[in-house]
PDB file of N, CA and C in Angstrom:
ATOM      1  N   MET A   1     -64.141  71.575  16.790  1.00  0.00           N
ATOM      2  CA  MET A   1     -64.253  70.607  17.888  1.00  0.00           C
ATOM      3  C   MET A   1     -63.425  69.368  17.550  1.00  0.00           C
ATOM      4  N   ARG A   2     -62.474  68.937  18.470  1.00  0.00           N
ATOM      5  CA  ARG A   2     -61.619  67.826  18.231  1.00  0.00           C
ATOM      6  C   ARG A   2     -62.324  66.508  18.750  1.00  0.00           C
ATOM      7  N   VAL A   3     -62.376  65.552  17.915  1.00  0.00           N
ATOM      8  CA  VAL A   3     -62.938  64.304  18.269  1.00  0.00           C
ATOM      9  C   VAL A   3     -61.833  63.254  18.368  1.00  0.00           C
ATOM     10  N   GLU A   4     -61.926  62.472  19.355  1.00  0.00           N
ATOM     11  CA  GLU A   4     -60.914  61.343  19.387  1.00  0.00           C
ATOM     12  C   GLU A   4     -61.697  60.029  19.278  1.00  0.00           C
ATOM     13  N   ILE A   5     -61.000  59.156  18.487  1.00  0.00           N
ATOM     14  CA  ILE A   5     -61.684  57.897  18.149  1.00  0.00           C
ATOM     15  C   ILE A   5     -61.174  56.840  19.245  1.00  0.00           C
ATOM     16  N   ALA A   6     -62.076  56.130  19.845  1.00  0.00           N
ATOM     17  CA  ALA A   6     -61.761  55.168  20.859  1.00  0.00           C
ATOM     18  C   ALA A   6     -61.702  53.815  20.255  1.00  0.00           C
ATOM     19  N   PRO A   7     -60.914  52.903  20.974  1.00  0.00           N
ATOM     20  CA  PRO A   7     -60.894  51.516  20.464  1.00  0.00           C
ATOM     21  C   PRO A   7     -62.252  50.865  20.416  1.00  0.00           C
ATOM     22  N   ALA A   8     -63.189  51.216  21.288  1.00  0.00           N
ATOM     23  CA  ALA A   8     -64.560  50.578  21.218  1.00  0.00           C
ATOM     24  C   ALA A   8     -65.228  50.958  19.905  1.00  0.00           C
ATOM     25  N   LEU A   9     -64.979  52.237  19.324  1.00  0.00           N
ATOM     26  CA  LEU A   9     -65.623  52.594  18.166  1.00  0.00           C
ATOM     27  C   LEU A   9     -65.027  51.879  16.921  1.00  0.00           C
ATOM     28  N   VAL A  10     -63.628  51.671  16.940  1.00  0.00           N
ATOM     29  CA  VAL A  10     -62.950  50.908  15.864  1.00  0.00           C
ATOM     30  C   VAL A  10     -63.465  49.466  15.929  1.00  0.00           C
ATOM     31  N   ARG A  11     -63.615  48.935  17.140  1.00  0.00           N
ATOM     32  CA  ARG A  11     -64.133  47.552  17.239  1.00  0.00           C
ATOM     33  C   ARG A  11     -65.554  47.388  16.600  1.00  0.00           C
ATOM     34  N   GLU A  12     -66.350  48.514  16.869  1.00  0.00           N
ATOM     35  CA  GLU A  12     -67.734  48.460  16.358  1.00  0.00           C
ATOM     36  C   GLU A  12     -67.653  48.502  14.771  1.00  0.00           C
ATOM     37  N   LEU A  13     -66.931  49.378  14.215  1.00  0.00           N
ATOM     38  CA  LEU A  13     -66.765  49.543  12.828  1.00  0.00           C
ATOM     39  C   LEU A  13     -66.226  48.108  12.181  1.00  0.00           C
ATOM     40  N   LEU A  14     -65.229  47.636  12.888  1.00  0.00           N
ATOM     41  CA  LEU A  14     -64.613  46.353  12.299  1.00  0.00           C
ATOM     42  C   LEU A  14     -65.586  45.176  12.406  1.00  0.00           C
ATOM     43  N   SER A  15     -66.572  45.255  13.284  1.00  0.00           N
ATOM     44  CA  SER A  15     -67.473  44.107  13.455  1.00  0.00           C
ATOM     45  C   SER A  15     -68.522  44.128  12.293  1.00  0.00           C
ATOM     46  N   ASP A  16     -68.513  45.018  11.411  1.00  0.00           N
ATOM     47  CA  ASP A  16     -69.416  45.026  10.250  1.00  0.00           C
ATOM     48  C   ASP A  16     -69.148  43.745   9.494  1.00  0.00           C
ATOM     49  N   PRO A  17     -70.264  42.987   9.033  1.00  0.00           N
ATOM     50  CA  PRO A  17     -70.052  41.728   8.429  1.00  0.00           C
ATOM     51  C   PRO A  17     -69.208  41.825   7.059  1.00  0.00           C
ATOM     52  N   LYS A  18     -69.182  43.018   6.473  1.00  0.00           N
ATOM     53  CA  LYS A  18     -68.358  43.199   5.310  1.00  0.00           C
ATOM     54  C   LYS A  18     -66.918  43.299   5.591  1.00  0.00           C
ATOM     55  N   ILE A  19     -66.548  43.408   6.879  1.00  0.00           N
ATOM     56  CA  ILE A  19     -65.105  43.604   7.217  1.00  0.00           C
ATOM     57  C   ILE A  19     -64.684  42.320   8.052  1.00  0.00           C
ATOM     58  N   PHE A  20     -65.246  42.078   9.172  1.00  0.00           N
ATOM     59  CA  PHE A  20     -64.993  40.858   9.917  1.00  0.00           C
ATOM     60  C   PHE A  20     -66.333  40.249  10.459  1.00  0.00           C
ATOM     61  N   PRO A  21     -66.788  39.399   9.782  1.00  0.00           N
ATOM     62  CA  PRO A  21     -68.092  38.826  10.077  1.00  0.00           C
ATOM     63  C   PRO A  21     -68.257  38.255  11.538  1.00  0.00           C
ATOM     64  N   GLU A  22     -67.166  37.726  12.039  1.00  0.00           N
ATOM     65  CA  GLU A  22     -67.255  37.089  13.358  1.00  0.00           C
ATOM     66  C   GLU A  22     -66.119  37.713  14.247  1.00  0.00           C
ATOM     67  N   LEU A  23     -66.028  39.035  14.428  1.00  0.00           N
ATOM     68  CA  LEU A  23     -65.180  39.688  15.256  1.00  0.00           C
ATOM     69  C   LEU A  23     -65.431  39.392  16.717  1.00  0.00           C
ATOM     70  N   PRO A  24     -64.475  38.693  17.432  1.00  0.00           N
ATOM     71  CA  PRO A  24     -64.826  38.352  18.824  1.00  0.00           C
ATOM     72  C   PRO A  24     -65.055  39.640  19.661  1.00  0.00           C
ATOM     73  N   ALA A  25     -66.107  39.661  20.457  1.00  0.00           N
ATOM     74  CA  ALA A  25     -66.421  40.845  21.314  1.00  0.00           C
ATOM     75  C   ALA A  25     -65.370  41.177  22.316  1.00  0.00           C
ATOM     76  N   ASP A  26     -64.540  40.058  22.739  1.00  0.00           N
ATOM     77  CA  ASP A  26     -63.590  40.299  23.732  1.00  0.00           C
ATOM     78  C   ASP A  26     -62.132  40.429  23.160  1.00  0.00           C
ATOM     79  N   LEU A  27     -62.092  40.837  21.892  1.00  0.00           N
ATOM     80  CA  LEU A  27     -60.833  40.957  21.151  1.00  0.00           C
ATOM     81  C   LEU A  27     -59.899  41.949  21.913  1.00  0.00           C
ATOM     82  N   ASP A  28     -58.704  41.543  22.217  1.00  0.00           N
ATOM     83  CA  ASP A  28     -57.795  42.483  22.924  1.00  0.00           C
ATOM     84  C   ASP A  28     -57.302  43.566  21.967  1.00  0.00           C
ATOM     85  N   GLU A  29     -56.982  44.690  22.397  1.00  0.00           N
ATOM     86  CA  GLU A  29     -56.540  45.853  21.556  1.00  0.00           C
ATOM     87  C   GLU A  29     -55.240  45.489  20.816  1.00  0.00           C
ATOM     88  N   ASP A  30     -54.430  44.504  21.345  1.00  0.00           N
ATOM     89  CA  ASP A  30     -53.178  44.266  20.672  1.00  0.00           C
ATOM     90  C   ASP A  30     -53.177  42.901  19.911  1.00  0.00           C
ATOM     91  N   THR A  31     -54.292  42.321  19.780  1.00  0.00           N
ATOM     92  CA  THR A  31     -54.379  41.055  19.092  1.00  0.00           C
ATOM     93  C   THR A  31     -54.219  41.357  17.563  1.00  0.00           C
ATOM     94  N   GLU A  32     -53.425  40.600  16.970  1.00  0.00           N
ATOM     95  CA  GLU A  32     -53.173  40.809  15.477  1.00  0.00           C
ATOM     96  C   GLU A  32     -54.543  40.605  14.662  1.00  0.00           C
ATOM     97  N   LEU A  33     -54.670  41.531  13.771  1.00  0.00           N
ATOM     98  CA  LEU A  33     -55.815  41.440  12.780  1.00  0.00           C
ATOM     99  C   LEU A  33     -55.117  41.451  11.313  1.00  0.00           C
ATOM    100  N   ALA A  34     -55.856  40.938  10.350  1.00  0.00           N
ATOM    101  CA  ALA A  34     -55.464  40.956   9.034  1.00  0.00           C
ATOM    102  C   ALA A  34     -56.720  41.450   8.180  1.00  0.00           C
ATOM    103  N   LEU A  35     -56.577  42.817   7.877  1.00  0.00           N
ATOM    104  CA  LEU A  35     -57.671  43.328   6.868  1.00  0.00           C
ATOM    105  C   LEU A  35     -57.253  42.907   5.448  1.00  0.00           C
ATOM    106  N   ASP A  36     -58.330  42.536   4.700  1.00  0.00           N
ATOM    107  CA  ASP A  36     -58.037  42.393   3.258  1.00  0.00           C
ATOM    108  C   ASP A  36     -58.391  43.762   2.599  1.00  0.00           C
ATOM    109  N   SER A  37     -58.078  43.777   1.315  1.00  0.00           N
ATOM    110  CA  SER A  37     -58.177  45.146   0.627  1.00  0.00           C
ATOM    111  C   SER A  37     -59.704  45.595   0.614  1.00  0.00           C
ATOM    112  N   LEU A  38     -60.635  44.725   0.397  1.00  0.00           N
ATOM    113  CA  LEU A  38     -62.014  44.991   0.372  1.00  0.00           C
ATOM    114  C   LEU A  38     -62.508  45.492   1.691  1.00  0.00           C
ATOM    115  N   GLY A  39     -62.035  44.748   2.753  1.00  0.00           N
ATOM    116  CA  GLY A  39     -62.449  45.110   4.109  1.00  0.00           C
ATOM    117  C   GLY A  39     -61.893  46.483   4.443  1.00  0.00           C
ATOM    118  N   LEU A  40     -60.683  46.754   4.097  1.00  0.00           N
ATOM    119  CA  LEU A  40     -60.022  48.075   4.312  1.00  0.00           C
ATOM    120  C   LEU A  40     -60.880  49.241   3.644  1.00  0.00           C
ATOM    121  N   VAL A  41     -61.201  48.977   2.459  1.00  0.00           N
ATOM    122  CA  VAL A  41     -61.923  50.053   1.638  1.00  0.00           C
ATOM    123  C   VAL A  41     -63.358  50.333   2.381  1.00  0.00           C
ATOM    124  N   TRP A  42     -64.018  49.270   2.766  1.00  0.00           N
ATOM    125  CA  TRP A  42     -65.235  49.383   3.422  1.00  0.00           C
ATOM    126  C   TRP A  42     -65.127  50.048   4.800  1.00  0.00           C
ATOM    127  N   PHE A  43     -64.093  49.714   5.559  1.00  0.00           N
ATOM    128  CA  PHE A  43     -63.886  50.358   6.839  1.00  0.00           C
ATOM    129  C   PHE A  43     -63.520  51.839   6.663  1.00  0.00           C
ATOM    130  N   LEU A  44     -62.818  52.194   5.668  1.00  0.00           N
ATOM    131  CA  LEU A  44     -62.496  53.608   5.404  1.00  0.00           C
ATOM    132  C   LEU A  44     -63.794  54.305   4.946  1.00  0.00           C
ATOM    133  N   HIS A  45     -64.545  53.701   4.063  1.00  0.00           N
ATOM    134  CA  HIS A  45     -65.890  54.176   3.679  1.00  0.00           C
ATOM    135  C   HIS A  45     -66.727  54.507   4.898  1.00  0.00           C
ATOM    136  N   GLN A  46     -66.854  53.581   5.806  1.00  0.00           N
ATOM    137  CA  GLN A  46     -67.643  53.814   7.036  1.00  0.00           C
ATOM    138  C   GLN A  46     -67.178  54.954   7.873  1.00  0.00           C
ATOM    139  N   LEU A  47     -65.806  55.206   7.939  1.00  0.00           N
ATOM    140  CA  LEU A  47     -65.281  56.297   8.620  1.00  0.00           C
ATOM    141  C   LEU A  47     -65.719  57.661   7.968  1.00  0.00           C
ATOM    142  N   GLY A  48     -65.741  57.624   6.694  1.00  0.00           N
ATOM    143  CA  GLY A  48     -66.142  58.778   5.896  1.00  0.00           C
ATOM    144  C   GLY A  48     -67.600  59.039   6.038  1.00  0.00           C
ATOM    145  N   THR A  49     -68.431  58.031   5.951  1.00  0.00           N
ATOM    146  CA  THR A  49     -69.887  58.167   6.110  1.00  0.00           C
ATOM    147  C   THR A  49     -70.307  58.553   7.607  1.00  0.00           C
ATOM    148  N   LYS A  50     -69.793  57.916   8.568  1.00  0.00           N
ATOM    149  CA  LYS A  50     -70.229  58.196   9.950  1.00  0.00           C
ATOM    150  C   LYS A  50     -69.484  59.380  10.518  1.00  0.00           C
ATOM    151  N   PHE A  51     -68.222  59.663  10.169  1.00  0.00           N
ATOM    152  CA  PHE A  51     -67.480  60.612  10.884  1.00  0.00           C
ATOM    153  C   PHE A  51     -66.947  61.708  10.034  1.00  0.00           C
ATOM    154  N   ASP A  52     -67.188  61.700   8.763  1.00  0.00           N
ATOM    155  CA  ASP A  52     -66.673  62.644   7.779  1.00  0.00           C
ATOM    156  C   ASP A  52     -65.155  62.729   7.769  1.00  0.00           C
ATOM    157  N   LEU A  53     -64.537  61.573   8.039  1.00  0.00           N
ATOM    158  CA  LEU A  53     -63.166  61.373   8.119  1.00  0.00           C
ATOM    159  C   LEU A  53     -62.715  60.680   6.715  1.00  0.00           C
ATOM    160  N   VAL A  54     -62.123  61.368   5.875  1.00  0.00           N
ATOM    161  CA  VAL A  54     -61.710  60.861   4.535  1.00  0.00           C
ATOM    162  C   VAL A  54     -60.226  60.444   4.570  1.00  0.00           C
ATOM    163  N   ILE A  55     -60.067  59.219   4.421  1.00  0.00           N
ATOM    164  CA  ILE A  55     -58.675  58.655   4.269  1.00  0.00           C
ATOM    165  C   ILE A  55     -58.681  57.763   3.107  1.00  0.00           C
ATOM    166  N   GLU A  56     -57.851  58.054   2.179  1.00  0.00           N
ATOM    167  CA  GLU A  56     -57.778  57.325   0.954  1.00  0.00           C
ATOM    168  C   GLU A  56     -57.018  55.986   1.250  1.00  0.00           C
ATOM    169  N   PRO A  57     -57.554  54.778   0.768  1.00  0.00           N
ATOM    170  CA  PRO A  57     -56.884  53.518   1.011  1.00  0.00           C
ATOM    171  C   PRO A  57     -55.536  53.478   0.339  1.00  0.00           C
ATOM    172  N   GLU A  58     -54.626  52.932   1.160  1.00  0.00           N
ATOM    173  CA  GLU A  58     -53.243  52.750   0.591  1.00  0.00           C
ATOM    174  C   GLU A  58     -52.812  51.412   1.008  1.00  0.00           C
ATOM    175  N   ASP A  59     -51.897  50.827   0.282  1.00  0.00           N
ATOM    176  CA  ASP A  59     -51.366  49.431   0.601  1.00  0.00           C
ATOM    177  C   ASP A  59     -50.762  49.390   1.965  1.00  0.00           C
ATOM    178  N   GLU A  60     -50.158  50.449   2.442  1.00  0.00           N
ATOM    179  CA  GLU A  60     -49.519  50.530   3.688  1.00  0.00           C
ATOM    180  C   GLU A  60     -50.575  50.279   4.831  1.00  0.00           C
ATOM    181  N   HIS A  61     -51.776  50.656   4.657  1.00  0.00           N
ATOM    182  CA  HIS A  61     -52.807  50.467   5.639  1.00  0.00           C
ATOM    183  C   HIS A  61     -52.987  48.896   5.914  1.00  0.00           C
ATOM    184  N   LEU A  62     -52.849  48.091   4.942  1.00  0.00           N
ATOM    185  CA  LEU A  62     -53.010  46.621   5.134  1.00  0.00           C
ATOM    186  C   LEU A  62     -52.040  46.166   6.203  1.00  0.00           C
ATOM    187  N   THR A  63     -50.920  46.689   6.225  1.00  0.00           N
ATOM    188  CA  THR A  63     -49.958  46.152   7.230  1.00  0.00           C
ATOM    189  C   THR A  63     -49.910  47.018   8.539  1.00  0.00           C
ATOM    190  N   ALA A  64     -50.237  48.315   8.309  1.00  0.00           N
ATOM    191  CA  ALA A  64     -50.208  49.351   9.473  1.00  0.00           C
ATOM    192  C   ALA A  64     -51.471  49.017  10.310  1.00  0.00           C
ATOM    193  N   PHE A  65     -52.458  48.551   9.804  1.00  0.00           N
ATOM    194  CA  PHE A  65     -53.824  48.440  10.525  1.00  0.00           C
ATOM    195  C   PHE A  65     -53.775  46.909  11.014  1.00  0.00           C
ATOM    196  N   SER A  66     -52.943  46.623  11.893  1.00  0.00           N
ATOM    197  CA  SER A  66     -52.683  45.200  12.311  1.00  0.00           C
ATOM    198  C   SER A  66     -53.360  44.940  13.655  1.00  0.00           C
ATOM    199  N   SER A  67     -53.827  45.898  14.363  1.00  0.00           N
ATOM    200  CA  SER A  67     -54.563  45.573  15.656  1.00  0.00           C
ATOM    201  C   SER A  67     -55.528  46.713  15.885  1.00  0.00           C
ATOM    202  N   LEU A  68     -56.396  46.528  16.905  1.00  0.00           N
ATOM    203  CA  LEU A  68     -57.260  47.680  17.331  1.00  0.00           C
ATOM    204  C   LEU A  68     -56.498  48.840  17.718  1.00  0.00           C
ATOM    205  N   ARG A  69     -55.459  48.632  18.462  1.00  0.00           N
ATOM    206  CA  ARG A  69     -54.640  49.752  18.931  1.00  0.00           C
ATOM    207  C   ARG A  69     -53.897  50.506  17.739  1.00  0.00           C
ATOM    208  N   ASP A  70     -53.347  49.735  16.777  1.00  0.00           N
ATOM    209  CA  ASP A  70     -52.714  50.368  15.739  1.00  0.00           C
ATOM    210  C   ASP A  70     -53.655  51.283  14.850  1.00  0.00           C
ATOM    211  N   ILE A  71     -54.801  50.715  14.596  1.00  0.00           N
ATOM    212  CA  ILE A  71     -55.830  51.322  13.749  1.00  0.00           C
ATOM    213  C   ILE A  71     -56.313  52.620  14.500  1.00  0.00           C
ATOM    214  N   THR A  72     -56.620  52.537  15.827  1.00  0.00           N
ATOM    215  CA  THR A  72     -57.093  53.636  16.633  1.00  0.00           C
ATOM    216  C   THR A  72     -56.004  54.722  16.684  1.00  0.00           C
ATOM    217  N   ASP A  73     -54.777  54.329  16.945  1.00  0.00           N
ATOM    218  CA  ASP A  73     -53.605  55.265  17.005  1.00  0.00           C
ATOM    219  C   ASP A  73     -53.445  56.051  15.662  1.00  0.00           C
ATOM    220  N   HIS A  74     -53.534  55.299  14.611  1.00  0.00           N
ATOM    221  CA  HIS A  74     -53.368  55.889  13.249  1.00  0.00           C
ATOM    222  C   HIS A  74     -54.546  56.930  13.010  1.00  0.00           C
ATOM    223  N   LEU A  75     -55.682  56.555  13.255  1.00  0.00           N
ATOM    224  CA  LEU A  75     -56.921  57.410  13.032  1.00  0.00           C
ATOM    225  C   LEU A  75     -56.684  58.639  13.897  1.00  0.00           C
ATOM    226  N   ASN A  76     -56.345  58.578  15.109  1.00  0.00           N
ATOM    227  CA  ASN A  76     -56.245  59.719  16.008  1.00  0.00           C
ATOM    228  C   ASN A  76     -55.079  60.686  15.567  1.00  0.00           C
ATOM    229  N   ARG A  77     -54.033  60.073  14.998  1.00  0.00           N
ATOM    230  CA  ARG A  77     -52.885  60.889  14.449  1.00  0.00           C
ATOM    231  C   ARG A  77     -53.456  61.710  13.295  1.00  0.00           C
ATOM    232  N   VAL A  78     -54.227  61.072  12.456  1.00  0.00           N
ATOM    233  CA  VAL A  78     -54.817  61.766  11.206  1.00  0.00           C
ATOM    234  C   VAL A  78     -55.713  62.908  11.821  1.00  0.00           C
ATOM    235  N   LEU A  79     -56.529  62.630  12.757  1.00  0.00           N
ATOM    236  CA  LEU A  79     -57.452  63.609  13.337  1.00  0.00           C
ATOM    237  C   LEU A  79     -56.622  64.749  13.932  1.00  0.00           C
ATOM    238  N   ALA A  80     -55.517  64.485  14.603  1.00  0.00           N
ATOM    239  CA  ALA A  80     -54.807  65.483  15.309  1.00  0.00           C
ATOM    240  C   ALA A  80     -53.951  66.389  14.407  1.00  0.00           C
ATOM    241  N   GLY A  81     -53.387  65.768  13.413  1.00  0.00           N
ATOM    242  CA  GLY A  81     -52.409  66.499  12.617  1.00  0.00           C
ATOM    243  C   GLY A  81     -52.476  66.578  11.117  1.00  0.00           C
ATOM    244  N   GLU A  82     -53.416  65.833  10.610  1.00  0.00           N
ATOM    245  CA  GLU A  82     -53.571  65.865   9.134  1.00  0.00           C
ATOM    246  C   GLU A  82     -54.956  66.072   8.722  1.00  0.00           C
ATOM    247  N   SER A  83     -55.281  66.536   7.609  1.00  0.00           N
ATOM    248  CA  SER A  83     -56.615  66.799   7.101  1.00  0.00           C
ATOM    249  C   SER A  83     -57.188  65.536   6.506  1.00  0.00           C
ATOM    250  N   GLY A  84     -56.420  64.409   6.256  1.00  0.00           N
ATOM    251  CA  GLY A  84     -56.895  63.391   5.501  1.00  0.00           C
ATOM    252  C   GLY A  84     -56.630  63.550   4.044  1.00  0.00           C
ATOM    253  N   ASP A  85     -57.158  62.780   3.222  1.00  0.00           N
ATOM    254  CA  ASP A  85     -56.792  62.864   1.809  1.00  0.00           C
ATOM    255  C   ASP A  85     -57.933  63.394   0.989  1.00  0.00           C
ATOM    256  N   GLY A  86     -58.931  64.069   1.536  1.00  0.00           N
ATOM    257  CA  GLY A  86     -59.963  64.589   0.769  1.00  0.00           C
ATOM    258  C   GLY A  86     -60.583  65.759   1.412  1.00  0.00           C
TER     259      GLY A  86
END
């Protein structure tokens, strides 16, 4: 069964206080975000815990994960064509 990750789900995961303590509820999908390395690791951990989607943290994610749309698109590409890193 193929699952697709929606921007609303990414927004929900990012709103975790360990990632973005005060993520605006009306954040536009293209608004620029800046994840720090600890936030990235926790975000990827949450993906693994909740969706069994294992993606190893890489430095490129800090720049590639620059908006809700970018994160959502990346995760859906992983789901569609790659097995992840674990």
